Amino acid sequence: VESAEKAIKFSNVKGEVILSQSENGVSYNLNRGIERAKGELITYLCDD
């Protein structure tokens, strides 16, 4: 999370970090995150 926030600040663009967590697996959580995303560009970062 810290690295994502620093990258957003460094790039001087508006951004959001979306944490998506459930017991249903990473693919499910990624899709839930995409549904909540408001950015024009969307990327994902593994938790490690």
All heavy atoms as atom14 arrays in JSON, in Angstrom:
{
  "sequence": "VESAEKAIKFSNVKGEVILSQSENGVSYNLNRGIERAKGELITYLCDD",
  "atom14_mask": [
    [1, 1, 1, 1, 1, 1, 1, 0, 0, 0, 0, 0, 0, 0],
    [1, 1, 1, 1, 1, 1, 1, 1, 1, 0, 0, 0, 0, 0],
    [1, 1, 1, 1, 1, 1, 0, 0, 0, 0, 0, 0, 0, 0],
    [1, 1, 1, 1, 1, 0, 0, 0, 0, 0, 0, 0, 0, 0],
    [1, 1, 1, 1, 1, 1, 1, 1, 1, 0, 0, 0, 0, 0],
    [1, 1, 1, 1, 1, 1, 1, 1, 1, 0, 0, 0, 0, 0],
    [1, 1, 1, 1, 1, 0, 0, 0, 0, 0, 0, 0, 0, 0],
    [1, 1, 1, 1, 1, 1, 1, 1, 0, 0, 0, 0, 0, 0],
    [1, 1, 1, 1, 1, 1, 1, 1, 1, 0, 0, 0, 0, 0],
    [1, 1, 1, 1, 1, 1, 1, 1, 1, 1, 1, 0, 0, 0],
    [1, 1, 1, 1, 1, 1, 0, 0, 0, 0, 0, 0, 0, 0],
    [1, 1, 1, 1, 1, 1, 1, 1, 0, 0, 0, 0, 0, 0],
    [1, 1, 1, 1, 1, 1, 1, 0, 0, 0, 0, 0, 0, 0],
    [1, 1, 1, 1, 1, 1, 1, 1, 1, 0, 0, 0, 0, 0],
    [1, 1, 1, 1, 0, 0, 0, 0, 0, 0, 0, 0, 0, 0],
    [1, 1, 1, 1, 1, 1, 1, 1, 1, 0, 0, 0, 0, 0],
    [1, 1, 1, 1, 1, 1, 1, 0, 0, 0, 0, 0, 0, 0],
    [1, 1, 1, 1, 1, 1, 1, 1, 0, 0, 0, 0, 0, 0],
    [1, 1, 1, 1, 1, 1, 1, 1, 0, 0, 0, 0, 0, 0],
    [1, 1, 1, 1, 1, 1, 0, 0, 0, 0, 0, 0, 0, 0],
    [1, 1, 1, 1, 1, 1, 1, 1, 1, 0, 0, 0, 0, 0],
    [1, 1, 1, 1, 1, 1, 0, 0, 0, 0, 0, 0, 0, 0],
    [1, 1, 1, 1, 1, 1, 1, 1, 1, 0, 0, 0, 0, 0],
    [1, 1, 1, 1, 1, 1, 1, 1, 0, 0, 0, 0, 0, 0],
    [1, 1, 1, 1, 0, 0, 0, 0, 0, 0, 0, 0, 0, 0],
    [1, 1, 1, 1, 1, 1, 1, 0, 0, 0, 0, 0, 0, 0],
    [1, 1, 1, 1, 1, 1, 0, 0, 0, 0, 0, 0, 0, 0],
    [1, 1, 1, 1, 1, 1, 1, 1, 1, 1, 1, 1, 0, 0],
    [1, 1, 1, 1, 1, 1, 1, 1, 0, 0, 0, 0, 0, 0],
    [1, 1, 1, 1, 1, 1, 1, 1, 0, 0, 0, 0, 0, 0],
    [1, 1, 1, 1, 1, 1, 1, 1, 0, 0, 0, 0, 0, 0],
    [1, 1, 1, 1, 1, 1, 1, 1, 1, 1, 1, 0, 0, 0],
    [1, 1, 1, 1, 0, 0, 0, 0, 0, 0, 0, 0, 0, 0],
    [1, 1, 1, 1, 1, 1, 1, 1, 0, 0, 0, 0, 0, 0],
    [1, 1, 1, 1, 1, 1, 1, 1, 1, 0, 0, 0, 0, 0],
    [1, 1, 1, 1, 1, 1, 1, 1, 1, 1, 1, 0, 0, 0],
    [1, 1, 1, 1, 1, 0, 0, 0, 0, 0, 0, 0, 0, 0],
    [1, 1, 1, 1, 1, 1, 1, 1, 1, 0, 0, 0, 0, 0],
    [1, 1, 1, 1, 0, 0, 0, 0, 0, 0, 0, 0, 0, 0],
    [1, 1, 1, 1, 1, 1, 1, 1, 1, 0, 0, 0, 0, 0],
    [1, 1, 1, 1, 1, 1, 1, 1, 0, 0, 0, 0, 0, 0],
    [1, 1, 1, 1, 1, 1, 1, 1, 0, 0, 0, 0, 0, 0],
    [1, 1, 1, 1, 1, 1, 1, 0, 0, 0, 0, 0, 0, 0],
    [1, 1, 1, 1, 1, 1, 1, 1, 1, 1, 1, 1, 0, 0],
    [1, 1, 1, 1, 1, 1, 1, 1, 0, 0, 0, 0, 0, 0],
    [1, 1, 1, 1, 1, 1, 0, 0, 0, 0, 0, 0, 0, 0],
    [1, 1, 1, 1, 1, 1, 1, 1, 0, 0, 0, 0, 0, 0],
    [1, 1, 1, 1, 1, 1, 1, 1, 0, 0, 0, 0, 0, 0]
  ],
  "atom14_positions": [
    [[0.84, -1.21, 0.0], [0.0, 0.0, 0.0], [0.87, 1.25, 0.0], [0.63, 2.19, -0.77], [-0.96, 0.0, 1.21], [-1.66, 1.34, 1.35], [-1.97, -1.13, 1.09], [0.0, 0.0, 0.0], [0.0, 0.0, 0.0], [0.0, 0.0, 0.0], [0.0, 0.0, 0.0], [0.0, 0.0, 0.0], [0.0, 0.0, 0.0], [0.0, 0.0, 0.0]],
    [[1.89, 1.27, 0.84], [2.78, 2.43, 0.91], [3.47, 2.68, -0.43], [3.56, 3.83, -0.88], [3.83, 2.22, 2.0], [4.75, 3.4, 2.16], [5.8, 3.19, 3.26], [5.79, 2.14, 3.93], [6.63, 4.1, 3.43], [0.0, 0.0, 0.0], [0.0, 0.0, 0.0], [0.0, 0.0, 0.0], [0.0, 0.0, 0.0], [0.0, 0.0, 0.0]],
    [[3.92, 1.62, -1.09], [4.59, 1.8, -2.39], [3.62, 2.34, -3.44], [3.99, 3.17, -4.26], [5.24, 0.5, -2.86], [4.28, -0.43, -3.3], [0.0, 0.0, 0.0], [0.0, 0.0, 0.0], [0.0, 0.0, 0.0], [0.0, 0.0, 0.0], [0.0, 0.0, 0.0], [0.0, 0.0, 0.0], [0.0, 0.0, 0.0], [0.0, 0.0, 0.0]],
    [[2.37, 1.88, -3.4], [1.38, 2.37, -4.36], [1.07, 3.84, -4.11], [0.99, 4.64, -5.05], [0.1, 1.53, -4.26], [0.0, 0.0, 0.0], [0.0, 0.0, 0.0], [0.0, 0.0, 0.0], [0.0, 0.0, 0.0], [0.0, 0.0, 0.0], [0.0, 0.0, 0.0], [0.0, 0.0, 0.0], [0.0, 0.0, 0.0], [0.0, 0.0, 0.0]],
    [[0.91, 4.22, -2.85], [0.63, 5.62, -2.52], [1.8, 6.53, -2.92], [1.59, 7.62, -3.43], [0.32, 5.76, -1.03], [-1.02, 5.13, -0.67], [-1.28, 5.08, 0.82], [-0.33, 5.24, 1.62], [-2.46, 4.86, 1.19], [0.0, 0.0, 0.0], [0.0, 0.0, 0.0], [0.0, 0.0, 0.0], [0.0, 0.0, 0.0], [0.0, 0.0, 0.0]],
    [[3.02, 6.07, -2.69], [4.19, 6.85, -3.09], [4.29, 7.01, -4.61], [4.65, 8.07, -5.11], [5.47, 6.22, -2.55], [5.69, 6.43, -1.08], [6.99, 5.8, -0.62], [7.24, 6.05, 0.85], [8.48, 5.43, 1.32], [0.0, 0.0, 0.0], [0.0, 0.0, 0.0], [0.0, 0.0, 0.0], [0.0, 0.0, 0.0], [0.0, 0.0, 0.0]],
    [[3.97, 5.95, -5.35], [4.01, 6.01, -6.81], [2.97, 6.99, -7.34], [3.24, 7.74, -8.28], [3.8, 4.62, -7.41], [0.0, 0.0, 0.0], [0.0, 0.0, 0.0], [0.0, 0.0, 0.0], [0.0, 0.0, 0.0], [0.0, 0.0, 0.0], [0.0, 0.0, 0.0], [0.0, 0.0, 0.0], [0.0, 0.0, 0.0], [0.0, 0.0, 0.0]],
    [[1.8, 7.01, -6.73], [0.76, 7.96, -7.14], [1.24, 9.39, -6.89], [1.14, 10.25, -7.76], [-0.56, 7.69, -6.39], [-1.19, 6.4, -6.88], [-1.53, 8.87, -6.56], [-2.36, 5.92, -6.03], [0.0, 0.0, 0.0], [0.0, 0.0, 0.0], [0.0, 0.0, 0.0], [0.0, 0.0, 0.0], [0.0, 0.0, 0.0], [0.0, 0.0, 0.0]],
    [[1.78, 9.62, -5.71], [2.27, 10.96, -5.37], [3.42, 11.38, -6.29], [3.47, 12.51, -6.77], [2.72, 11.0, -3.91], [3.06, 12.37, -3.42], [3.34, 12.37, -1.92], [3.6, 13.78, -1.46], [3.76, 13.87, -0.03], [0.0, 0.0, 0.0], [0.0, 0.0, 0.0], [0.0, 0.0, 0.0], [0.0, 0.0, 0.0], [0.0, 0.0, 0.0]],
    [[4.33, 10.46, -6.58], [5.48, 10.74, -7.43], [5.04, 11.1, -8.85], [5.62, 11.98, -9.48], [6.4, 9.51, -7.47], [7.62, 9.68, -8.32], [8.73, 10.35, -7.84], [7.65, 9.17, -9.61], [9.85, 10.51, -8.63], [8.77, 9.32, -10.41], [9.88, 10.0, -9.92], [0.0, 0.0, 0.0], [0.0, 0.0, 0.0], [0.0, 0.0, 0.0]],
    [[3.99, 10.44, -9.34], [3.54, 10.67, -10.71], [2.7, 11.94, -10.84], [2.38, 12.35, -11.94], [2.75, 9.48, -11.22], [1.56, 9.34, -10.47], [0.0, 0.0, 0.0], [0.0, 0.0, 0.0], [0.0, 0.0, 0.0], [0.0, 0.0, 0.0], [0.0, 0.0, 0.0], [0.0, 0.0, 0.0], [0.0, 0.0, 0.0], [0.0, 0.0, 0.0]],
    [[2.33, 12.53, -9.71], [1.59, 13.78, -9.7], [0.25, 13.67, -10.43], [-0.13, 14.55, -11.19], [2.43, 14.92, -10.27], [1.92, 16.28, -9.83], [1.31, 16.41, -8.78], [2.17, 17.29, -10.64], [0.0, 0.0, 0.0], [0.0, 0.0, 0.0], [0.0, 0.0, 0.0], [0.0, 0.0, 0.0], [0.0, 0.0, 0.0], [0.0, 0.0, 0.0]],
    [[-0.44, 12.56, -10.21], [-1.79, 12.36, -10.74], [-2.71, 12.02, -9.57], [-2.26, 11.62, -8.5], [-1.87, 11.23, -11.79], [-1.04, 11.55, -13.01], [-1.48, 9.9, -11.2], [0.0, 0.0, 0.0], [0.0, 0.0, 0.0], [0.0, 0.0, 0.0], [0.0, 0.0, 0.0], [0.0, 0.0, 0.0], [0.0, 0.0, 0.0], [0.0, 0.0, 0.0]],
    [[-4.0, 12.18, -9.8], [-4.96, 11.74, -8.8], [-5.0, 10.23, -8.83], [-4.88, 9.61, -9.88], [-6.34, 12.31, -9.1], [-6.43, 13.8, -8.93], [-7.83, 14.27, -9.2], [-7.88, 15.79, -9.08], [-9.24, 16.29, -9.29], [0.0, 0.0, 0.0], [0.0, 0.0, 0.0], [0.0, 0.0, 0.0], [0.0, 0.0, 0.0], [0.0, 0.0, 0.0]],
    [[-5.17, 9.65, -7.68], [-5.2, 8.2, -7.65], [-5.86, 7.67, -6.4], [-6.11, 8.4, -5.45], [0.0, 0.0, 0.0], [0.0, 0.0, 0.0], [0.0, 0.0, 0.0], [0.0, 0.0, 0.0], [0.0, 0.0, 0.0], [0.0, 0.0, 0.0], [0.0, 0.0, 0.0], [0.0, 0.0, 0.0], [0.0, 0.0, 0.0], [0.0, 0.0, 0.0]],
    [[-6.15, 6.4, -6.46], [-6.75, 5.71, -5.33], [-6.14, 4.33, -5.22], [-5.79, 3.71, -6.22], [-8.27, 5.61, -5.49], [-8.71, 4.78, -6.68], [-10.21, 4.71, -6.85], [-10.96, 5.07, -5.92], [-10.65, 4.28, -7.93], [0.0, 0.0, 0.0], [0.0, 0.0, 0.0], [0.0, 0.0, 0.0], [0.0, 0.0, 0.0], [0.0, 0.0, 0.0]],
    [[-6.01, 3.87, -3.98], [-5.57, 2.51, -3.72], [-6.79, 1.78, -3.17], [-7.39, 2.21, -2.19], [-4.41, 2.47, -2.71], [-4.01, 1.03, -2.41], [-3.21, 3.25, -3.24], [0.0, 0.0, 0.0], [0.0, 0.0, 0.0], [0.0, 0.0, 0.0], [0.0, 0.0, 0.0], [0.0, 0.0, 0.0], [0.0, 0.0, 0.0], [0.0, 0.0, 0.0]],
    [[-7.14, 0.69, -3.82], [-8.32, -0.08, -3.43], [-7.85, -1.42, -2.89], [-7.23, -2.21, -3.6], [-9.25, -0.3, -4.63], [-9.74, 1.04, -5.18], [-10.42, -1.21, -4.24], [-10.47, 0.93, -6.5], [0.0, 0.0, 0.0], [0.0, 0.0, 0.0], [0.0, 0.0, 0.0], [0.0, 0.0, 0.0], [0.0, 0.0, 0.0], [0.0, 0.0, 0.0]],
    [[-8.15, -1.66, -1.62], [-7.88, -2.97, -1.03], [-9.13, -3.8, -1.16], [-10.22, -3.37, -0.79], [-7.51, -2.82, 0.45], [-6.24, -2.02, 0.73], [-6.04, -1.89, 2.23], [-5.05, -2.67, 0.09], [0.0, 0.0, 0.0], [0.0, 0.0, 0.0], [0.0, 0.0, 0.0], [0.0, 0.0, 0.0], [0.0, 0.0, 0.0], [0.0, 0.0, 0.0]],
    [[-8.99, -4.98, -1.71], [-10.13, -5.87, -1.91], [-9.81, -7.2, -1.27], [-8.92, -7.92, -1.73], [-10.42, -6.02, -3.41], [-11.54, -6.83, -3.6], [0.0, 0.0, 0.0], [0.0, 0.0, 0.0], [0.0, 0.0, 0.0], [0.0, 0.0, 0.0], [0.0, 0.0, 0.0], [0.0, 0.0, 0.0], [0.0, 0.0, 0.0], [0.0, 0.0, 0.0]],
    [[-10.53, -7.53, -0.21], [-10.23, -8.73, 0.56], [-11.49, -9.53, 0.84], [-12.52, -8.98, 1.22], [-9.57, -8.34, 1.89], [-9.06, -9.47, 2.72], [-10.08, -10.09, 3.66], [-11.03, -9.45, 4.07], [-9.87, -11.34, 3.98], [0.0, 0.0, 0.0], [0.0, 0.0, 0.0], [0.0, 0.0, 0.0], [0.0, 0.0, 0.0], [0.0, 0.0, 0.0]],
    [[-11.41, -10.83, 0.6], [-12.43, -11.78, 1.01], [-11.8, -13.17, 0.93], [-10.71, -13.34, 0.41], [-13.68, -11.71, 0.12], [-13.46, -12.4, -1.08], [0.0, 0.0, 0.0], [0.0, 0.0, 0.0], [0.0, 0.0, 0.0], [0.0, 0.0, 0.0], [0.0, 0.0, 0.0], [0.0, 0.0, 0.0], [0.0, 0.0, 0.0], [0.0, 0.0, 0.0]],
    [[-12.51, -14.14, 1.41], [-12.04, -15.53, 1.39], [-12.29, -16.22, 0.05], [-11.96, -17.38, -0.12], [-12.71, -16.32, 2.51], [-12.36, -15.83, 3.9], [-10.88, -15.96, 4.21], [-10.26, -16.96, 3.81], [-10.34, -15.04, 4.85], [0.0, 0.0, 0.0], [0.0, 0.0, 0.0], [0.0, 0.0, 0.0], [0.0, 0.0, 0.0], [0.0, 0.0, 0.0]],
    [[-12.86, -15.5, -0.92], [-13.24, -16.1, -2.21], [-12.11, -16.19, -3.22], [-12.33, -16.62, -4.34], [-14.42, -15.35, -2.81], [-15.67, -15.49, -1.98], [-15.94, -16.55, -1.42], [-16.44, -14.43, -1.86], [0.0, 0.0, 0.0], [0.0, 0.0, 0.0], [0.0, 0.0, 0.0], [0.0, 0.0, 0.0], [0.0, 0.0, 0.0], [0.0, 0.0, 0.0]],
    [[-10.92, -15.74, -2.87], [-9.78, -15.87, -3.77], [-9.39, -14.56, -4.42], [-10.14, -13.59, -4.46], [0.0, 0.0, 0.0], [0.0, 0.0, 0.0], [0.0, 0.0, 0.0], [0.0, 0.0, 0.0], [0.0, 0.0, 0.0], [0.0, 0.0, 0.0], [0.0, 0.0, 0.0], [0.0, 0.0, 0.0], [0.0, 0.0, 0.0], [0.0, 0.0, 0.0]],
    [[-8.18, -14.55, -4.95], [-7.6, -13.33, -5.52], [-8.36, -12.87, -6.75], [-8.62, -11.68, -6.92], [-6.1, -13.55, -5.83], [-5.53, -12.35, -6.57], [-5.32, -13.8, -4.55], [0.0, 0.0, 0.0], [0.0, 0.0, 0.0], [0.0, 0.0, 0.0], [0.0, 0.0, 0.0], [0.0, 0.0, 0.0], [0.0, 0.0, 0.0], [0.0, 0.0, 0.0]],
    [[-8.76, -13.78, -7.63], [-9.48, -13.39, -8.85], [-10.8, -12.71, -8.5], [-11.16, -11.68, -9.09], [-9.76, -14.6, -9.74], [-8.56, -15.15, -10.19], [0.0, 0.0, 0.0], [0.0, 0.0, 0.0], [0.0, 0.0, 0.0], [0.0, 0.0, 0.0], [0.0, 0.0, 0.0], [0.0, 0.0, 0.0], [0.0, 0.0, 0.0], [0.0, 0.0, 0.0]],
    [[-11.53, -13.26, -7.55], [-12.78, -12.65, -7.1], [-12.51, -11.26, -6.53], [-13.23, -10.31, -6.85], [-13.43, -13.55, -6.03], [-14.65, -12.94, -5.41], [-15.89, -13.06, -6.03], [-14.59, -12.26, -4.2], [-17.02, -12.51, -5.46], [-15.71, -11.71, -3.63], [-16.93, -11.83, -4.26], [-18.04, -11.28, -3.69], [0.0, 0.0, 0.0], [0.0, 0.0, 0.0]],
    [[-11.48, -11.14, -5.72], [-11.16, -9.85, -5.12], [-10.71, -8.83, -6.16], [-11.03, -7.64, -6.04], [-10.09, -10.02, -4.04], [-10.61, -10.8, -2.85], [-11.78, -10.71, -2.51], [-9.75, -11.58, -2.24], [0.0, 0.0, 0.0], [0.0, 0.0, 0.0], [0.0, 0.0, 0.0], [0.0, 0.0, 0.0], [0.0, 0.0, 0.0], [0.0, 0.0, 0.0]],
    [[-10.0, -9.27, -7.17], [-9.6, -8.37, -8.25], [-10.83, -7.84, -8.99], [-10.96, -6.64, -9.24], [-8.65, -9.08, -9.23], [-8.17, -8.26, -10.42], [-7.46, -6.99, -9.98], [-7.26, -9.09, -11.29], [0.0, 0.0, 0.0], [0.0, 0.0, 0.0], [0.0, 0.0, 0.0], [0.0, 0.0, 0.0], [0.0, 0.0, 0.0], [0.0, 0.0, 0.0]],
    [[-11.76, -8.72, -9.3], [-12.98, -8.29, -9.97], [-13.81, -7.34, -9.11], [-14.38, -6.37, -9.62], [-13.82, -9.5, -10.38], [-13.21, -10.24, -11.54], [-12.6, -9.64, -12.42], [-13.36, -11.55, -11.56], [0.0, 0.0, 0.0], [0.0, 0.0, 0.0], [0.0, 0.0, 0.0], [0.0, 0.0, 0.0], [0.0, 0.0, 0.0], [0.0, 0.0, 0.0]],
    [[-13.87, -7.57, -7.82], [-14.56, -6.65, -6.91], [-13.88, -5.29, -6.91], [-14.53, -4.25, -6.88], [-14.58, -7.21, -5.48], [-15.73, -8.12, -5.24], [-15.88, -8.52, -3.8], [-15.48, -7.48, -2.86], [-15.27, -7.67, -1.59], [-15.44, -8.87, -1.08], [-14.91, -6.7, -0.79], [0.0, 0.0, 0.0], [0.0, 0.0, 0.0], [0.0, 0.0, 0.0]],
    [[-12.56, -5.29, -6.94], [-11.81, -4.03, -6.98], [-12.08, -3.27, -8.27], [-12.23, -2.05, -8.26], [0.0, 0.0, 0.0], [0.0, 0.0, 0.0], [0.0, 0.0, 0.0], [0.0, 0.0, 0.0], [0.0, 0.0, 0.0], [0.0, 0.0, 0.0], [0.0, 0.0, 0.0], [0.0, 0.0, 0.0], [0.0, 0.0, 0.0], [0.0, 0.0, 0.0]],
    [[-12.13, -3.98, -9.39], [-12.41, -3.34, -10.68], [-13.79, -2.69, -10.66], [-13.98, -1.59, -11.16], [-12.29, -4.36, -11.84], [-10.82, -4.76, -12.02], [-12.85, -3.8, -13.13], [-10.6, -5.93, -12.95], [0.0, 0.0, 0.0], [0.0, 0.0, 0.0], [0.0, 0.0, 0.0], [0.0, 0.0, 0.0], [0.0, 0.0, 0.0], [0.0, 0.0, 0.0]],
    [[-14.76, -3.36, -10.06], [-16.11, -2.79, -9.95], [-16.11, -1.48, -9.16], [-16.89, -0.58, -9.45], [-17.05, -3.79, -9.27], [-17.38, -4.99, -10.12], [-18.14, -6.06, -9.35], [-18.41, -5.88, -8.14], [-18.46, -7.09, -9.96], [0.0, 0.0, 0.0], [0.0, 0.0, 0.0], [0.0, 0.0, 0.0], [0.0, 0.0, 0.0], [0.0, 0.0, 0.0]],
    [[-15.24, -1.37, -8.17], [-15.19, -0.16, -7.32], [-14.29, 0.93, -7.87], [-14.35, 2.07, -7.43], [-14.72, -0.55, -5.91], [-15.71, -1.44, -5.21], [-15.3, -1.91, -3.83], [-14.18, -1.28, -3.21], [-13.31, -1.9, -2.43], [-13.42, -3.2, -2.19], [-12.3, -1.25, -1.87], [0.0, 0.0, 0.0], [0.0, 0.0, 0.0], [0.0, 0.0, 0.0]],
    [[-13.43, 0.59, -8.82], [-12.43, 1.54, -9.33], [-13.11, 2.71, -10.06], [-14.05, 2.52, -10.8], [-11.47, 0.82, -10.27], [0.0, 0.0, 0.0], [0.0, 0.0, 0.0], [0.0, 0.0, 0.0], [0.0, 0.0, 0.0], [0.0, 0.0, 0.0], [0.0, 0.0, 0.0], [0.0, 0.0, 0.0], [0.0, 0.0, 0.0], [0.0, 0.0, 0.0]],
    [[-12.55, 3.89, -9.84], [-13.06, 5.09, -10.48], [-12.04, 5.73, -11.42], [-12.29, 6.77, -12.0], [-13.48, 6.1, -9.42], [-14.66, 5.62, -8.59], [-15.09, 6.68, -7.62], [-16.38, 6.33, -6.96], [-16.34, 5.43, -5.88], [0.0, 0.0, 0.0], [0.0, 0.0, 0.0], [0.0, 0.0, 0.0], [0.0, 0.0, 0.0], [0.0, 0.0, 0.0]],
    [[-10.88, 5.12, -11.55], [-9.82, 5.68, -12.38], [-10.02, 5.43, -13.86], [-10.68, 4.47, -14.25], [0.0, 0.0, 0.0], [0.0, 0.0, 0.0], [0.0, 0.0, 0.0], [0.0, 0.0, 0.0], [0.0, 0.0, 0.0], [0.0, 0.0, 0.0], [0.0, 0.0, 0.0], [0.0, 0.0, 0.0], [0.0, 0.0, 0.0], [0.0, 0.0, 0.0]],
    [[-9.41, 6.31, -14.64], [-9.4, 6.1, -16.09], [-8.44, 4.97, -16.45], [-8.61, 4.29, -17.45], [-8.95, 7.38, -16.78], [-9.9, 8.55, -16.57], [-9.28, 9.85, -17.02], [-8.91, 9.95, -18.21], [-9.16, 10.75, -16.18], [0.0, 0.0, 0.0], [0.0, 0.0, 0.0], [0.0, 0.0, 0.0], [0.0, 0.0, 0.0], [0.0, 0.0, 0.0]],
    [[-7.41, 4.82, -15.64], [-6.45, 3.72, -15.79], [-6.57, 2.85, -14.55], [-6.67, 3.35, -13.43], [-5.03, 4.24, -15.91], [-4.74, 5.13, -17.12], [-3.33, 5.7, -17.02], [-4.89, 4.35, -18.41], [0.0, 0.0, 0.0], [0.0, 0.0, 0.0], [0.0, 0.0, 0.0], [0.0, 0.0, 0.0], [0.0, 0.0, 0.0], [0.0, 0.0, 0.0]],
    [[-6.55, 1.54, -14.75], [-6.65, 0.59, -13.64], [-5.49, -0.38, -13.74], [-5.19, -0.9, -14.81], [-7.97, -0.19, -13.7], [-9.16, 0.77, -13.59], [-8.03, -1.24, -12.59], [-10.51, 0.09, -13.81], [0.0, 0.0, 0.0], [0.0, 0.0, 0.0], [0.0, 0.0, 0.0], [0.0, 0.0, 0.0], [0.0, 0.0, 0.0], [0.0, 0.0, 0.0]],
    [[-4.85, -0.6, -12.61], [-3.8, -1.61, -12.54], [-3.97, -2.36, -11.23], [-4.74, -1.95, -10.37], [-2.4, -0.99, -12.66], [-1.43, -2.03, -12.82], [-2.05, -0.14, -11.45], [0.0, 0.0, 0.0], [0.0, 0.0, 0.0], [0.0, 0.0, 0.0], [0.0, 0.0, 0.0], [0.0, 0.0, 0.0], [0.0, 0.0, 0.0], [0.0, 0.0, 0.0]],
    [[-3.27, -3.46, -11.1], [-3.32, -4.16, -9.83], [-1.92, -4.48, -9.36], [-0.96, -4.52, -10.13], [-4.19, -5.42, -9.92], [-3.51, -6.61, -10.54], [-2.9, -7.57, -9.75], [-3.5, -6.78, -11.91], [-2.29, -8.67, -10.31], [-2.9, -7.88, -12.48], [-2.29, -8.82, -11.68], [-1.68, -9.91, -12.23], [0.0, 0.0, 0.0], [0.0, 0.0, 0.0]],
    [[-1.84, -4.68, -8.07], [-0.57, -4.97, -7.43], [-0.8, -6.14, -6.49], [-1.75, -6.12, -5.7], [-0.11, -3.73, -6.64], [1.21, -3.78, -5.92], [2.37, -3.91, -6.9], [1.4, -2.52, -5.08], [0.0, 0.0, 0.0], [0.0, 0.0, 0.0], [0.0, 0.0, 0.0], [0.0, 0.0, 0.0], [0.0, 0.0, 0.0], [0.0, 0.0, 0.0]],
    [[0.03, -7.15, -6.58], [-0.07, -8.26, -5.64], [0.29, -7.76, -4.25], [1.09, -6.84, -4.1], [0.85, -9.4, -6.05], [0.37, -10.16, -7.61], [0.0, 0.0, 0.0], [0.0, 0.0, 0.0], [0.0, 0.0, 0.0], [0.0, 0.0, 0.0], [0.0, 0.0, 0.0], [0.0, 0.0, 0.0], [0.0, 0.0, 0.0], [0.0, 0.0, 0.0]],
    [[-0.28, -8.38, -3.25], [-0.08, -7.91, -1.88], [1.35, -8.08, -1.38], [1.73, -7.49, -0.38], [-1.05, -8.59, -0.92], [-0.82, -10.08, -0.81], [-0.54, -10.73, -1.85], [-0.92, -10.61, 0.31], [0.0, 0.0, 0.0], [0.0, 0.0, 0.0], [0.0, 0.0, 0.0], [0.0, 0.0, 0.0], [0.0, 0.0, 0.0], [0.0, 0.0, 0.0]],
    [[2.16, -8.84, -2.08], [3.55, -9.02, -1.66], [4.54, -8.36, -2.63], [5.72, -8.67, -2.63], [3.89, -10.49, -1.48], [3.74, -11.31, -2.75], [3.2, -10.77, -3.75], [4.15, -12.48, -2.75], [0.0, 0.0, 0.0], [0.0, 0.0, 0.0], [0.0, 0.0, 0.0], [0.0, 0.0, 0.0], [0.0, 0.0, 0.0], [0.0, 0.0, 0.0]]
  ]
}
